[in-house]
Amino acid sequence: MKYKKLTDQIKIPAIGLGTWRIGGNVEADTTQNKEHISAIKTAIKLEITLIDTAESYAKGHAEELVGNAIQGFDRSGLFIISKVSPEHLKHNDLIESARMSLKRLKTDYIDLYLIHSPNPEIQIQETMRALDHLIELKLIRFIGVSNFSVEQIKEAQRYTKNKIVANQVEYNLLTRNSGHVTNDMESRIIPYCQKNNILVIAWRPLAKGELARPGFKLLDELAKKYNKTQAQISLNWLISKKGIVAVTKSSKTGHLKENLDAMGWSLKLEDVDRLNNEYILA
């Protein structure tokens, strides 16, 4: 397993398990509970110990599935990320959201708690005070943000005594500077985070599966050259970058193992440069 630095003392896996659409989409779906719990357990056994979830995923059911799956494992060996929804960023609402997430996750603490996305209707000062309070209560270990611009990160950091250690943004070979939620990922957000030791957590790293199948000339060429899959080339490119990890949803053992095989080897610098600069993928 390859690891990336979160803080001077903490390192986390370069590839984690995402849980969006595990347990349902917007609404909860309990029909595949056994399969999903088994998938999360399998991921942990394969040393994918970084698990990313959120209170909004399947209306909290994704957190419940994670909570059931992690029972019996050494909690200190897991790194669990969850996110508070933008409508819950007032002080008391955020505290309650965190407590409900902890209950669903069946754990005493969340390793990294993120603001899922900004809410201009709620003052960021109030939100950051609540996050500081959660750290004081030892209900969360670290704070971060998601889908924040550089300006929004700077403003949030002004109102907390704790360091913002991560920003989760959409980023992949196809989504470079213009995403569904954020823009300027490559030109501004990622360089700023790298300079300020803020870990970038890439969501949708395989572009909803587009990068996991043939069809892009350069990606197909490199898959053949390295005897790897398109998904492995795409993930390796991501995690080869300073301060970037990827979280990808996988519910099948084969896909979990495929993702793991994106580590343990390196693309040649000239191929990284081609992927960086040849926009034939777009």
Protein backbone atom coordinates (compact mmCIF):
# COMPACT_ATOMS: atom_id res chain seq x y z
CA MET A 1 0.00 0.00 0.00
CA LYS A 2 1.22 3.46 -0.90
CA TYR A 3 0.64 6.19 1.69
CA LYS A 4 0.39 9.97 1.55
CA LYS A 5 1.10 12.48 4.31
CA LEU A 6 -1.94 14.06 5.95
CA THR A 7 0.05 15.70 8.76
CA ASP A 8 3.61 15.38 10.02
CA GLN A 9 2.46 12.45 12.16
CA ILE A 10 -0.30 10.86 10.06
CA LYS A 11 -0.18 9.06 6.72
CA ILE A 12 -3.18 7.59 4.94
CA PRO A 13 -3.58 5.18 2.01
CA ALA A 14 -3.20 6.73 -1.44
CA ILE A 15 -6.34 4.95 -2.62
CA GLY A 16 -9.45 4.77 -0.48
CA LEU A 17 -12.93 3.33 -0.68
CA GLY A 18 -15.72 5.74 -1.59
CA THR A 19 -19.27 4.94 -0.50
CA TRP A 20 -21.40 7.17 -2.71
CA ARG A 21 -24.14 4.89 -4.13
CA ILE A 22 -23.39 2.19 -1.58
CA GLY A 23 -26.68 1.67 0.22
CA GLY A 24 -28.66 3.74 -2.25
CA ASN A 25 -28.36 7.06 -4.03
CA VAL A 26 -30.33 9.94 -2.54
CA GLU A 27 -32.68 7.56 -0.74
CA ALA A 28 -31.67 4.52 1.29
CA ASP A 29 -31.85 1.12 -0.41
CA THR A 30 -31.45 -1.84 1.94
CA THR A 31 -31.83 -4.59 -0.66
CA GLN A 32 -28.05 -5.12 -1.04
CA ASN A 33 -26.97 -4.59 2.56
CA LYS A 34 -25.17 -7.94 2.86
CA GLU A 35 -23.27 -7.44 -0.38
CA HIS A 36 -22.25 -3.90 0.52
CA ILE A 37 -21.13 -4.79 4.04
CA SER A 38 -19.13 -7.67 2.61
CA ALA A 39 -17.49 -5.35 0.06
CA ILE A 40 -16.40 -2.90 2.75
CA LYS A 41 -15.03 -5.74 4.87
CA THR A 42 -13.14 -7.11 1.87
CA ALA A 43 -11.64 -3.69 1.16
CA ILE A 44 -10.35 -3.45 4.73
CA LYS A 45 -8.88 -6.95 4.56
CA LEU A 46 -7.08 -5.87 1.38
CA GLU A 47 -5.61 -2.94 3.39
CA ILE A 48 -7.87 -0.30 1.84
CA THR A 49 -8.34 1.23 5.27
CA LEU A 50 -9.29 4.73 4.09
CA ILE A 51 -13.10 4.88 3.93
CA ASP A 52 -14.93 7.97 2.67
CA THR A 53 -18.61 8.55 3.40
CA ALA A 54 -21.09 11.34 4.22
CA GLU A 55 -24.31 11.94 6.11
CA SER A 56 -26.09 12.67 2.82
CA TYR A 57 -25.16 9.40 1.12
CA ALA A 58 -28.37 7.37 0.94
CA LYS A 59 -29.73 9.55 3.77
CA GLY A 60 -27.16 8.20 6.20
CA HIS A 61 -27.49 4.56 5.20
CA ALA A 62 -23.97 4.49 3.72
CA GLU A 63 -22.64 5.46 7.14
CA GLU A 64 -24.73 2.69 8.72
CA LEU A 65 -23.24 0.13 6.35
CA VAL A 66 -19.72 1.34 7.13
CA GLY A 67 -20.55 1.17 10.84
CA ASN A 68 -21.68 -2.43 10.54
CA ALA A 69 -18.73 -3.42 8.36
CA ILE A 70 -15.99 -2.07 10.63
CA GLN A 71 -17.12 -4.01 13.69
CA GLY A 72 -14.45 -6.51 14.65
CA PHE A 73 -11.62 -4.56 13.03
CA ASP A 74 -9.03 -2.55 14.94
CA ARG A 75 -10.53 0.93 14.83
CA SER A 76 -7.12 2.58 15.21
CA GLY A 77 -6.06 0.95 11.94
CA LEU A 78 -8.89 2.60 10.00
CA PHE A 79 -9.16 6.15 8.71
CA ILE A 80 -12.78 7.21 8.33
CA ILE A 81 -13.86 10.37 6.56
CA SER A 82 -17.38 11.74 6.76
CA LYS A 83 -18.98 14.99 5.68
CA VAL A 84 -21.55 17.38 7.05
CA SER A 85 -24.11 18.62 4.51
CA PRO A 86 -24.19 22.34 3.61
CA GLU A 87 -27.67 22.80 5.10
CA HIS A 88 -26.31 21.72 8.51
CA LEU A 89 -23.49 24.25 8.89
CA LYS A 90 -24.99 26.30 11.73
CA HIS A 91 -23.25 25.58 15.03
CA ASN A 92 -25.83 23.41 16.77
CA ASP A 93 -26.93 21.70 13.56
CA LEU A 94 -23.35 20.73 12.77
CA ILE A 95 -22.76 19.31 16.26
CA GLU A 96 -25.94 17.27 15.96
CA SER A 97 -24.97 16.05 12.48
CA ALA A 98 -21.62 14.85 13.77
CA ARG A 99 -23.23 13.03 16.70
CA MET A 100 -25.72 11.32 14.37
CA SER A 101 -22.91 10.29 12.01
CA LEU A 102 -20.99 8.83 14.94
CA LYS A 103 -24.07 6.87 15.98
CA ARG A 104 -24.56 5.46 12.48
CA LEU A 105 -20.85 4.69 12.14
CA LYS A 106 -20.84 2.97 15.56
CA THR A 107 -17.60 4.67 16.49
CA ASP A 108 -16.43 7.14 19.13
CA TYR A 109 -14.68 9.45 16.68
CA ILE A 110 -14.39 10.42 13.02
CA ASP A 111 -10.84 10.75 11.75
CA LEU A 112 -11.51 13.52 9.24
CA TYR A 113 -14.72 15.56 9.16
CA LEU A 114 -15.33 17.66 6.06
CA ILE A 115 -17.71 20.45 5.13
CA HIS A 116 -19.33 18.75 2.13
CA SER A 117 -19.67 22.00 0.19
CA PRO A 118 -19.83 25.72 1.00
CA ASN A 119 -23.06 27.42 1.98
CA PRO A 120 -22.97 31.20 1.44
CA GLU A 121 -26.17 31.56 3.49
CA ILE A 122 -24.40 30.49 6.70
CA GLN A 123 -21.43 32.41 8.12
CA ILE A 124 -18.27 30.35 7.89
CA GLN A 125 -17.16 31.68 11.30
CA GLU A 126 -20.04 29.83 12.96
CA THR A 127 -19.25 26.63 11.09
CA MET A 128 -15.56 26.66 11.96
CA ARG A 129 -16.29 27.32 15.64
CA ALA A 130 -18.45 24.21 15.67
CA LEU A 131 -15.70 22.14 14.06
CA ASP A 132 -13.21 23.42 16.63
CA HIS A 133 -15.63 22.40 19.38
CA LEU A 134 -15.88 18.88 17.96
CA ILE A 135 -12.10 18.58 18.11
CA GLU A 136 -12.12 19.81 21.71
CA LEU A 137 -14.69 17.11 22.51
CA LYS A 138 -12.46 14.56 20.72
CA LEU A 139 -15.35 13.54 18.50
CA ILE A 140 -13.28 14.29 15.41
CA ARG A 141 -9.51 14.27 14.92
CA PHE A 142 -9.03 16.55 11.92
CA ILE A 143 -11.06 19.06 9.95
CA GLY A 144 -11.25 19.64 6.22
CA VAL A 145 -13.40 20.95 3.41
CA SER A 146 -14.82 19.68 0.15
CA ASN A 147 -15.50 21.48 -3.11
CA PHE A 148 -13.89 24.69 -1.79
CA SER A 149 -12.13 27.28 -3.93
CA VAL A 150 -8.82 28.80 -2.85
CA GLU A 151 -10.60 31.90 -1.52
CA GLN A 152 -13.06 29.78 0.46
CA ILE A 153 -10.24 27.71 1.98
CA LYS A 154 -8.40 30.88 3.03
CA GLU A 155 -11.52 32.35 4.62
CA ALA A 156 -12.37 29.15 6.49
CA GLN A 157 -8.81 28.86 7.81
CA ARG A 158 -9.00 32.40 9.24
CA TYR A 159 -11.76 31.34 11.61
CA THR A 160 -10.31 28.13 13.04
CA LYS A 161 -7.40 27.49 15.39
CA ASN A 162 -7.01 24.04 13.82
CA LYS A 163 -5.40 23.45 10.46
CA ILE A 164 -7.59 22.55 7.50
CA VAL A 165 -5.78 19.39 6.41
CA ALA A 166 -7.74 18.36 3.30
CA ASN A 167 -9.87 19.58 0.42
CA GLN A 168 -11.89 16.99 -1.48
CA VAL A 169 -12.55 17.97 -5.09
CA GLU A 170 -13.55 16.34 -8.34
CA TYR A 171 -10.38 15.55 -10.26
CA ASN A 172 -9.40 13.02 -12.91
CA LEU A 173 -7.85 12.81 -16.37
CA LEU A 174 -11.05 14.13 -17.93
CA THR A 175 -11.91 16.73 -15.29
CA ARG A 176 -8.94 19.01 -14.94
CA ASN A 177 -10.04 22.64 -14.53
CA SER A 178 -13.79 22.51 -14.96
CA GLY A 179 -15.88 20.20 -12.79
CA HIS A 180 -19.48 19.74 -11.79
CA VAL A 181 -18.95 21.75 -8.60
CA THR A 182 -15.53 23.40 -8.70
CA ASN A 183 -13.31 25.01 -11.33
CA ASP A 184 -9.60 25.82 -11.53
CA MET A 185 -8.54 22.55 -9.89
CA GLU A 186 -5.24 22.24 -11.76
CA SER A 187 -4.53 25.93 -12.24
CA ARG A 188 -5.28 27.14 -8.70
CA ILE A 189 -6.77 24.77 -6.12
CA ILE A 190 -4.30 21.88 -6.31
CA PRO A 191 -1.16 24.10 -6.46
CA TYR A 192 -2.43 26.09 -3.46
CA CYS A 193 -3.14 22.93 -1.48
CA GLN A 194 0.25 21.43 -2.36
CA LYS A 195 2.04 24.62 -1.30
CA ASN A 196 0.15 24.75 2.01
CA ASN A 197 0.28 21.04 2.90
CA ILE A 198 -3.43 20.51 2.39
CA LEU A 199 -4.14 17.01 1.12
CA VAL A 200 -6.23 16.85 -2.06
CA ILE A 201 -8.75 13.99 -2.03
CA ALA A 202 -9.90 13.31 -5.57
CA TRP A 203 -13.52 12.24 -5.87
CA ARG A 204 -14.82 10.63 -9.06
CA PRO A 205 -11.20 9.70 -10.00
CA LEU A 206 -12.38 7.39 -12.79
CA ALA A 207 -15.01 9.78 -14.16
CA LYS A 208 -17.94 7.50 -13.33
CA GLY A 209 -16.22 4.59 -15.09
CA GLU A 210 -15.31 6.40 -18.32
CA LEU A 211 -11.61 6.02 -17.50
CA ALA A 212 -12.00 2.35 -16.61
CA ARG A 213 -12.75 1.15 -20.13
CA PRO A 214 -11.14 1.40 -23.59
CA GLY A 215 -11.91 4.34 -25.82
CA PHE A 216 -9.27 7.01 -25.24
CA LYS A 217 -6.32 6.64 -27.57
CA LEU A 218 -3.51 7.68 -25.23
CA LEU A 219 -4.93 5.78 -22.27
CA ASP A 220 -5.35 2.63 -24.37
CA GLU A 221 -1.76 3.00 -25.65
CA LEU A 222 -0.35 3.28 -22.13
CA ALA A 223 -2.48 0.42 -20.81
CA LYS A 224 -0.93 -1.79 -23.47
CA LYS A 225 2.59 -0.45 -22.86
CA TYR A 226 2.49 -1.13 -19.11
CA ASN A 227 0.27 -4.20 -19.28
CA LYS A 228 -2.19 -2.46 -16.97
CA THR A 229 -5.86 -1.59 -17.21
CA GLN A 230 -7.10 1.86 -18.16
CA ALA A 231 -8.32 2.31 -14.56
CA GLN A 232 -4.88 1.48 -13.18
CA ILE A 233 -3.17 3.97 -15.49
CA SER A 234 -5.68 6.67 -14.51
CA LEU A 235 -5.30 6.06 -10.78
CA ASN A 236 -1.52 5.78 -10.95
CA TRP A 237 -1.37 9.15 -12.73
CA LEU A 238 -3.43 10.71 -9.95
CA ILE A 239 -1.53 9.32 -6.98
CA SER A 240 1.84 10.01 -8.62
CA LYS A 241 1.15 13.67 -7.90
CA LYS A 242 2.30 15.33 -4.68
CA GLY A 243 -0.35 15.42 -1.96
CA ILE A 244 -3.17 13.72 -3.87
CA VAL A 245 -5.14 10.61 -2.89
CA ALA A 246 -8.13 9.07 -4.66
CA VAL A 247 -11.35 7.60 -3.33
CA THR A 248 -13.27 5.33 -5.66
CA LYS A 249 -16.44 3.33 -5.12
CA SER A 250 -16.00 -0.42 -5.63
CA SER A 251 -18.38 -3.13 -4.51
CA LYS A 252 -16.73 -6.05 -6.31
CA THR A 253 -13.59 -7.82 -5.09
CA GLY A 254 -12.12 -7.81 -8.60
CA HIS A 255 -12.40 -4.04 -8.86
CA LEU A 256 -10.90 -3.57 -5.40
CA LYS A 257 -7.89 -5.66 -6.35
CA GLU A 258 -7.61 -3.87 -9.68
CA ASN A 259 -7.48 -0.52 -7.87
CA LEU A 260 -4.78 -1.82 -5.53
CA ASP A 261 -2.70 -2.83 -8.54
CA ALA A 262 -2.58 0.82 -9.53
CA MET A 263 0.15 1.05 -6.86
CA GLY A 264 3.59 -0.50 -6.56
CA TRP A 265 4.86 0.74 -9.92
CA SER A 266 5.38 4.07 -11.64
CA LEU A 267 4.62 5.63 -14.98
CA LYS A 268 7.71 6.95 -16.74
CA LEU A 269 8.10 10.71 -16.50
CA GLU A 270 7.56 11.17 -20.22
CA ASP A 271 4.25 9.31 -19.99
CA VAL A 272 3.17 11.37 -16.99
CA ASP A 273 3.98 14.47 -19.04
CA ARG A 274 1.90 13.17 -21.94
CA LEU A 275 -1.07 12.55 -19.67
CA ASN A 276 -0.57 15.98 -18.11
CA ASN A 277 -0.37 17.83 -21.39
CA GLU A 278 -2.06 15.92 -24.20
CA TYR A 279 -5.69 16.89 -24.00
CA ILE A 280 -6.76 14.27 -26.51
CA LEU A 281 -8.45 12.65 -23.51
CA ALA A 282 -10.89 15.53 -23.16
